[in-house]
Amino acid sequence: MAADALKGNNLFTSDGEHIGKISEIALDVRGGRIAYAVLASGGFLGMGEKPYAIPWSALTLGTDEKCFGSTSLRTA
């Protein structure tokens, strides 16, 4: 799977609450693995979104829904 295919995927908490979309992928070049997903959250019509780096290990890919979930993320 190409890294670009991951961009734009939705991210949900374990409770099913939508918290944003993946806007970028950060790589660990030495290890050859994805280190972080950058989550774009908040804002309106693409304006005012804030980026959050989420460790890749905290995410689970839901292949049926083309989305990601996390048991360690919570909304405030």
PDB file of N, CA and C in Angstrom:
ATOM      1  N   MET A   1       0.846  -1.171   0.000  1.00  0.00           N
ATOM      2  CA  MET A   1       0.000   0.000   0.000  1.00  0.00           C
ATOM      3  C   MET A   1       0.895   1.240   0.000  1.00  0.00           C
ATOM      4  N   ALA A   2       0.614   2.181  -0.844  1.00  0.00           N
ATOM      5  CA  ALA A   2       1.381   3.420  -0.923  1.00  0.00           C
ATOM      6  C   ALA A   2       0.981   4.364   0.205  1.00  0.00           C
ATOM      7  N   ALA A   3       1.940   5.160   0.675  1.00  0.00           N
ATOM      8  CA  ALA A   3       1.666   6.107   1.760  1.00  0.00           C
ATOM      9  C   ALA A   3       0.574   7.095   1.376  1.00  0.00           C
ATOM     10  N   ASP A   4       0.531   7.496   0.114  1.00  0.00           N
ATOM     11  CA  ASP A   4      -0.508   8.429  -0.324  1.00  0.00           C
ATOM     12  C   ASP A   4      -1.906   7.843  -0.180  1.00  0.00           C
ATOM     13  N   ALA A   5      -2.023   6.528  -0.235  1.00  0.00           N
ATOM     14  CA  ALA A   5      -3.334   5.891  -0.084  1.00  0.00           C
ATOM     15  C   ALA A   5      -3.862   6.028   1.339  1.00  0.00           C
ATOM     16  N   LEU A   6      -2.983   6.296   2.299  1.00  0.00           N
ATOM     17  CA  LEU A   6      -3.393   6.441   3.691  1.00  0.00           C
ATOM     18  C   LEU A   6      -3.908   7.842   3.993  1.00  0.00           C
ATOM     19  N   LYS A   7      -3.453   8.815   3.223  1.00  0.00           N
ATOM     20  CA  LYS A   7      -3.867  10.198   3.455  1.00  0.00           C
ATOM     21  C   LYS A   7      -5.353  10.358   3.163  1.00  0.00           C
ATOM     22  N   GLY A   8      -6.013  11.112   4.032  1.00  0.00           N
ATOM     23  CA  GLY A   8      -7.442  11.351   3.865  1.00  0.00           C
ATOM     24  C   GLY A   8      -8.320  10.356   4.593  1.00  0.00           C
ATOM     25  N   ASN A   9      -7.721   9.286   5.133  1.00  0.00           N
ATOM     26  CA  ASN A   9      -8.504   8.316   5.897  1.00  0.00           C
ATOM     27  C   ASN A   9      -8.975   8.934   7.205  1.00  0.00           C
ATOM     28  N   ASN A  10     -10.176   8.590   7.609  1.00  0.00           N
ATOM     29  CA  ASN A  10     -10.746   9.074   8.858  1.00  0.00           C
ATOM     30  C   ASN A  10     -10.127   8.355  10.043  1.00  0.00           C
ATOM     31  N   LEU A  11     -10.135   9.032  11.187  1.00  0.00           N
ATOM     32  CA  LEU A  11      -9.631   8.459  12.429  1.00  0.00           C
ATOM     33  C   LEU A  11     -10.718   8.563  13.486  1.00  0.00           C
ATOM     34  N   PHE A  12     -10.971   7.441  14.159  1.00  0.00           N
ATOM     35  CA  PHE A  12     -12.014   7.358  15.177  1.00  0.00           C
ATOM     36  C   PHE A  12     -11.435   6.887  16.501  1.00  0.00           C
ATOM     37  N   THR A  13     -12.048   7.315  17.610  1.00  0.00           N
ATOM     38  CA  THR A  13     -11.682   6.781  18.920  1.00  0.00           C
ATOM     39  C   THR A  13     -12.280   5.387  19.046  1.00  0.00           C
ATOM     40  N   SER A  14     -11.936   4.691  20.115  1.00  0.00           N
ATOM     41  CA  SER A  14     -12.499   3.358  20.335  1.00  0.00           C
ATOM     42  C   SER A  14     -14.001   3.420  20.586  1.00  0.00           C
ATOM     43  N   ASP A  15     -14.510   4.609  20.941  1.00  0.00           N
ATOM     44  CA  ASP A  15     -15.950   4.798  21.148  1.00  0.00           C
ATOM     45  C   ASP A  15     -16.682   5.140  19.857  1.00  0.00           C
ATOM     46  N   GLY A  16     -15.950   5.210  18.749  1.00  0.00           N
ATOM     47  CA  GLY A  16     -16.563   5.501  17.456  1.00  0.00           C
ATOM     48  C   GLY A  16     -16.692   6.976  17.142  1.00  0.00           C
ATOM     49  N   GLU A  17     -16.061   7.841  17.942  1.00  0.00           N
ATOM     50  CA  GLU A  17     -16.144   9.276  17.704  1.00  0.00           C
ATOM     51  C   GLU A  17     -15.101   9.698  16.671  1.00  0.00           C
ATOM     52  N   HIS A  18     -15.549  10.394  15.631  1.00  0.00           N
ATOM     53  CA  HIS A  18     -14.649  10.876  14.582  1.00  0.00           C
ATOM     54  C   HIS A  18     -13.816  12.018  15.144  1.00  0.00           C
ATOM     55  N   ILE A  19     -12.485  11.915  15.014  1.00  0.00           N
ATOM     56  CA  ILE A  19     -11.631  12.972  15.550  1.00  0.00           C
ATOM     57  C   ILE A  19     -10.772  13.654  14.493  1.00  0.00           C
ATOM     58  N   GLY A  20     -10.856  13.237  13.259  1.00  0.00           N
ATOM     59  CA  GLY A  20     -10.110  13.913  12.203  1.00  0.00           C
ATOM     60  C   GLY A  20      -9.729  12.983  11.072  1.00  0.00           C
ATOM     61  N   LYS A  21      -8.863  13.505  10.196  1.00  0.00           N
ATOM     62  CA  LYS A  21      -8.378  12.748   9.043  1.00  0.00           C
ATOM     63  C   LYS A  21      -6.863  12.771   9.018  1.00  0.00           C
ATOM     64  N   ILE A  22      -6.284  11.733   8.459  1.00  0.00           N
ATOM     65  CA  ILE A  22      -4.837  11.676   8.300  1.00  0.00           C
ATOM     66  C   ILE A  22      -4.446  12.596   7.146  1.00  0.00           C
ATOM     67  N   SER A  23      -3.579  13.564   7.462  1.00  0.00           N
ATOM     68  CA  SER A  23      -3.176  14.527   6.434  1.00  0.00           C
ATOM     69  C   SER A  23      -1.779  14.248   5.887  1.00  0.00           C
ATOM     70  N   GLU A  24      -0.925  13.623   6.687  1.00  0.00           N
ATOM     71  CA  GLU A  24       0.443  13.319   6.266  1.00  0.00           C
ATOM     72  C   GLU A  24       0.925  12.063   6.973  1.00  0.00           C
ATOM     73  N   ILE A  25       1.997  11.498   6.444  1.00  0.00           N
ATOM     74  CA  ILE A  25       2.651  10.334   7.040  1.00  0.00           C
ATOM     75  C   ILE A  25       4.115  10.714   7.267  1.00  0.00           C
ATOM     76  N   ALA A  26       4.630  10.453   8.481  1.00  0.00           N
ATOM     77  CA  ALA A  26       6.037  10.724   8.796  1.00  0.00           C
ATOM     78  C   ALA A  26       6.780   9.400   8.881  1.00  0.00           C
ATOM     79  N   LEU A  27       7.896   9.313   8.172  1.00  0.00           N
ATOM     80  CA  LEU A  27       8.659   8.070   8.103  1.00  0.00           C
ATOM     81  C   LEU A  27       9.871   8.078   9.023  1.00  0.00           C
ATOM     82  N   ASP A  28      10.203   6.907   9.536  1.00  0.00           N
ATOM     83  CA  ASP A  28      11.480   6.661  10.205  1.00  0.00           C
ATOM     84  C   ASP A  28      12.387   6.122   9.107  1.00  0.00           C
ATOM     85  N   VAL A  29      13.207   6.986   8.546  1.00  0.00           N
ATOM     86  CA  VAL A  29      14.012   6.621   7.379  1.00  0.00           C
ATOM     87  C   VAL A  29      14.987   5.497   7.710  1.00  0.00           C
ATOM     88  N   ARG A  30      15.637   5.577   8.851  1.00  0.00           N
ATOM     89  CA  ARG A  30      16.598   4.534   9.224  1.00  0.00           C
ATOM     90  C   ARG A  30      15.930   3.183   9.409  1.00  0.00           C
ATOM     91  N   GLY A  31      14.773   3.177  10.021  1.00  0.00           N
ATOM     92  CA  GLY A  31      14.068   1.920  10.270  1.00  0.00           C
ATOM     93  C   GLY A  31      13.227   1.454   9.097  1.00  0.00           C
ATOM     94  N   GLY A  32      12.965   2.365   8.143  1.00  0.00           N
ATOM     95  CA  GLY A  32      12.172   2.006   6.976  1.00  0.00           C
ATOM     96  C   GLY A  32      10.710   1.754   7.296  1.00  0.00           C
ATOM     97  N   ARG A  33      10.213   2.428   8.326  1.00  0.00           N
ATOM     98  CA  ARG A  33       8.821   2.231   8.745  1.00  0.00           C
ATOM     99  C   ARG A  33       8.120   3.576   8.932  1.00  0.00           C
ATOM    100  N   ILE A  34       6.794   3.509   9.001  1.00  0.00           N
ATOM    101  CA  ILE A  34       6.016   4.700   9.325  1.00  0.00           C
ATOM    102  C   ILE A  34       6.169   4.962  10.819  1.00  0.00           C
ATOM    103  N   ALA A  35       6.525   6.191  11.176  1.00  0.00           N
ATOM    104  CA  ALA A  35       6.690   6.556  12.585  1.00  0.00           C
ATOM    105  C   ALA A  35       5.424   7.207  13.136  1.00  0.00           C
ATOM    106  N   TYR A  36       4.864   8.146  12.377  1.00  0.00           N
ATOM    107  CA  TYR A  36       3.701   8.897  12.834  1.00  0.00           C
ATOM    108  C   TYR A  36       2.722   9.125  11.696  1.00  0.00           C
ATOM    109  N   ALA A  37       1.475   9.261  12.073  1.00  0.00           N
ATOM    110  CA  ALA A  37       0.459   9.777  11.167  1.00  0.00           C
ATOM    111  C   ALA A  37       0.135  11.173  11.678  1.00  0.00           C
ATOM    112  N   VAL A  38       0.041  12.135  10.781  1.00  0.00           N
ATOM    113  CA  VAL A  38      -0.324  13.487  11.181  1.00  0.00           C
ATOM    114  C   VAL A  38      -1.828  13.618  11.006  1.00  0.00           C
ATOM    115  N   LEU A  39      -2.493  13.906  12.107  1.00  0.00           N
ATOM    116  CA  LEU A  39      -3.943  14.031  12.144  1.00  0.00           C
ATOM    117  C   LEU A  39      -4.318  15.494  11.993  1.00  0.00           C
ATOM    118  N   ALA A  40      -5.209  15.801  11.065  1.00  0.00           N
ATOM    119  CA  ALA A  40      -5.753  17.148  10.919  1.00  0.00           C
ATOM    120  C   ALA A  40      -7.113  17.148  11.600  1.00  0.00           C
ATOM    121  N   SER A  41      -7.269  18.028  12.581  1.00  0.00           N
ATOM    122  CA  SER A  41      -8.503  18.042  13.351  1.00  0.00           C
ATOM    123  C   SER A  41      -8.952  19.474  13.600  1.00  0.00           C
ATOM    124  N   GLY A  42     -10.261  19.640  13.718  1.00  0.00           N
ATOM    125  CA  GLY A  42     -10.820  20.960  13.981  1.00  0.00           C
ATOM    126  C   GLY A  42     -10.953  21.760  12.707  1.00  0.00           C
ATOM    127  N   GLY A  43     -11.216  23.016  12.859  1.00  0.00           N
ATOM    128  CA  GLY A  43     -11.335  23.893  11.706  1.00  0.00           C
ATOM    129  C   GLY A  43     -12.688  23.775  11.034  1.00  0.00           C
ATOM    130  N   PHE A  44     -12.843  24.556   9.980  1.00  0.00           N
ATOM    131  CA  PHE A  44     -14.090  24.597   9.230  1.00  0.00           C
ATOM    132  C   PHE A  44     -13.748  24.781   7.767  1.00  0.00           C
ATOM    133  N   LEU A  45     -14.246  23.894   6.927  1.00  0.00           N
ATOM    134  CA  LEU A  45     -13.997  23.930   5.485  1.00  0.00           C
ATOM    135  C   LEU A  45     -12.502  23.970   5.166  1.00  0.00           C
ATOM    136  N   GLY A  46     -11.724  23.211   5.936  1.00  0.00           N
ATOM    137  CA  GLY A  46     -10.292  23.125   5.691  1.00  0.00           C
ATOM    138  C   GLY A  46      -9.472  24.269   6.253  1.00  0.00           C
ATOM    139  N   MET A  47     -10.108  25.227   6.885  1.00  0.00           N
ATOM    140  CA  MET A  47      -9.403  26.376   7.464  1.00  0.00           C
ATOM    141  C   MET A  47      -9.316  26.200   8.976  1.00  0.00           C
ATOM    142  N   GLY A  48      -8.158  26.489   9.538  1.00  0.00           N
ATOM    143  CA  GLY A  48      -8.000  26.440  10.982  1.00  0.00           C
ATOM    144  C   GLY A  48      -7.771  25.056  11.560  1.00  0.00           C
ATOM    145  N   GLU A  49      -7.504  24.067  10.706  1.00  0.00           N
ATOM    146  CA  GLU A  49      -7.211  22.728  11.214  1.00  0.00           C
ATOM    147  C   GLU A  49      -5.884  22.742  11.952  1.00  0.00           C
ATOM    148  N   LYS A  50      -5.803  21.936  13.004  1.00  0.00           N
ATOM    149  CA  LYS A  50      -4.565  21.815  13.769  1.00  0.00           C
ATOM    150  C   LYS A  50      -3.975  20.431  13.538  1.00  0.00           C
ATOM    151  N   PRO A  51      -2.642  20.366  13.330  1.00  0.00           N
ATOM    152  CA  PRO A  51      -1.996  19.061  13.127  1.00  0.00           C
ATOM    153  C   PRO A  51      -1.590  18.430  14.460  1.00  0.00           C
ATOM    154  N   TYR A  52      -1.761  17.122  14.557  1.00  0.00           N
ATOM    155  CA  TYR A  52      -1.348  16.352  15.726  1.00  0.00           C
ATOM    156  C   TYR A  52      -0.599  15.122  15.232  1.00  0.00           C
ATOM    157  N   ALA A  53       0.587  14.876  15.777  1.00  0.00           N
ATOM    158  CA  ALA A  53       1.360  13.684  15.417  1.00  0.00           C
ATOM    159  C   ALA A  53       0.909  12.530  16.302  1.00  0.00           C
ATOM    160  N   ILE A  54       0.443  11.459  15.680  1.00  0.00           N
ATOM    161  CA  ILE A  54      -0.039  10.277  16.388  1.00  0.00           C
ATOM    162  C   ILE A  54       0.928   9.131  16.092  1.00  0.00           C
ATOM    163  N   PRO A  55       1.497   8.498  17.125  1.00  0.00           N
ATOM    164  CA  PRO A  55       2.391   7.362  16.860  1.00  0.00           C
ATOM    165  C   PRO A  55       1.673   6.284  16.048  1.00  0.00           C
ATOM    166  N   TRP A  56       2.341   5.800  15.028  1.00  0.00           N
ATOM    167  CA  TRP A  56       1.750   4.784  14.156  1.00  0.00           C
ATOM    168  C   TRP A  56       1.312   3.556  14.947  1.00  0.00           C
ATOM    169  N   SER A  57       2.068   3.232  15.985  1.00  0.00           N
ATOM    170  CA  SER A  57       1.750   2.053  16.801  1.00  0.00           C
ATOM    171  C   SER A  57       0.443   2.206  17.572  1.00  0.00           C
ATOM    172  N   ALA A  58      -0.077   3.423  17.685  1.00  0.00           N
ATOM    173  CA  ALA A  58      -1.333   3.661  18.400  1.00  0.00           C
ATOM    174  C   ALA A  58      -2.554   3.475  17.504  1.00  0.00           C
ATOM    175  N   LEU A  59      -2.330   3.232  16.206  1.00  0.00           N
ATOM    176  CA  LEU A  59      -3.437   3.153  15.251  1.00  0.00           C
ATOM    177  C   LEU A  59      -3.690   1.726  14.790  1.00  0.00           C
ATOM    178  N   THR A  60      -4.939   1.467  14.477  1.00  0.00           N
ATOM    179  CA  THR A  60      -5.360   0.182  13.923  1.00  0.00           C
ATOM    180  C   THR A  60      -6.130   0.454  12.640  1.00  0.00           C
ATOM    181  N   LEU A  61      -5.755  -0.209  11.563  1.00  0.00           N
ATOM    182  CA  LEU A  61      -6.425  -0.014  10.277  1.00  0.00           C
ATOM    183  C   LEU A  61      -7.685  -0.850  10.216  1.00  0.00           C
ATOM    184  N   GLY A  62      -8.812  -0.183   9.947  1.00  0.00           N
ATOM    185  CA  GLY A  62     -10.072  -0.879   9.705  1.00  0.00           C
ATOM    186  C   GLY A  62     -10.264  -0.984   8.205  1.00  0.00           C
ATOM    187  N   THR A  63      -9.880  -2.094   7.614  1.00  0.00           N
ATOM    188  CA  THR A  63      -9.868  -2.208   6.154  1.00  0.00           C
ATOM    189  C   THR A  63     -11.262  -2.175   5.541  1.00  0.00           C
ATOM    190  N   ASP A  64     -12.273  -2.622   6.260  1.00  0.00           N
ATOM    191  CA  ASP A  64     -13.627  -2.621   5.706  1.00  0.00           C
ATOM    192  C   ASP A  64     -14.155  -1.206   5.484  1.00  0.00           C
ATOM    193  N   GLU A  65     -13.868  -0.322   6.421  1.00  0.00           N
ATOM    194  CA  GLU A  65     -14.405   1.032   6.349  1.00  0.00           C
ATOM    195  C   GLU A  65     -13.411   2.043   5.792  1.00  0.00           C
ATOM    196  N   LYS A  66     -12.182   1.585   5.465  1.00  0.00           N
ATOM    197  CA  LYS A  66     -11.103   2.479   5.036  1.00  0.00           C
ATOM    198  C   LYS A  66     -10.938   3.620   6.035  1.00  0.00           C
ATOM    199  N   CYS A  67     -10.722   3.227   7.288  1.00  0.00           N
ATOM    200  CA  CYS A  67     -10.520   4.199   8.347  1.00  0.00           C
ATOM    201  C   CYS A  67      -9.572   3.619   9.380  1.00  0.00           C
ATOM    202  N   PHE A  68      -9.153   4.452  10.315  1.00  0.00           N
ATOM    203  CA  PHE A  68      -8.279   4.027  11.392  1.00  0.00           C
ATOM    204  C   PHE A  68      -8.988   4.205  12.715  1.00  0.00           C
ATOM    205  N   GLY A  69      -8.615   3.377  13.667  1.00  0.00           N
ATOM    206  CA  GLY A  69      -9.135   3.497  15.015  1.00  0.00           C
ATOM    207  C   GLY A  69      -7.989   3.503  15.994  1.00  0.00           C
ATOM    208  N   SER A  70      -8.271   3.996  17.184  1.00  0.00           N
ATOM    209  CA  SER A  70      -7.254   4.009  18.231  1.00  0.00           C
ATOM    210  C   SER A  70      -7.908   3.811  19.579  1.00  0.00           C
ATOM    211  N   THR A  71      -7.338   2.927  20.369  1.00  0.00           N
ATOM    212  CA  THR A  71      -7.836   2.732  21.725  1.00  0.00           C
ATOM    213  C   THR A  71      -7.157   3.684  22.694  1.00  0.00           C
ATOM    214  N   SER A  72      -6.076   4.335  22.276  1.00  0.00           N
ATOM    215  CA  SER A  72      -5.341   5.205  23.192  1.00  0.00           C
ATOM    216  C   SER A  72      -5.666   6.686  23.024  1.00  0.00           C
ATOM    217  N   LEU A  73      -6.418   7.056  21.987  1.00  0.00           N
ATOM    218  CA  LEU A  73      -6.754   8.464  21.778  1.00  0.00           C
ATOM    219  C   LEU A  73      -8.091   8.787  22.411  1.00  0.00           C
ATOM    220  N   ARG A  74      -8.163   9.948  23.013  1.00  0.00           N
ATOM    221  CA  ARG A  74      -9.392  10.430  23.631  1.00  0.00           C
ATOM    222  C   ARG A  74      -9.598  11.879  23.216  1.00  0.00           C
ATOM    223  N   THR A  75     -10.837  12.299  23.148  1.00  0.00           N
ATOM    224  CA  THR A  75     -11.121  13.700  22.882  1.00  0.00           C
ATOM    225  C   THR A  75     -11.285  14.423  24.205  1.00  0.00           C
ATOM    226  N   ALA A  76     -11.009  15.712  24.195  1.00  0.00           N
ATOM    227  CA  ALA A  76     -11.101  16.510  25.433  1.00  0.00           C
ATOM    228  C   ALA A  76     -12.522  16.965  25.669  1.00  0.00           C
TER     229      ALA A  76
END
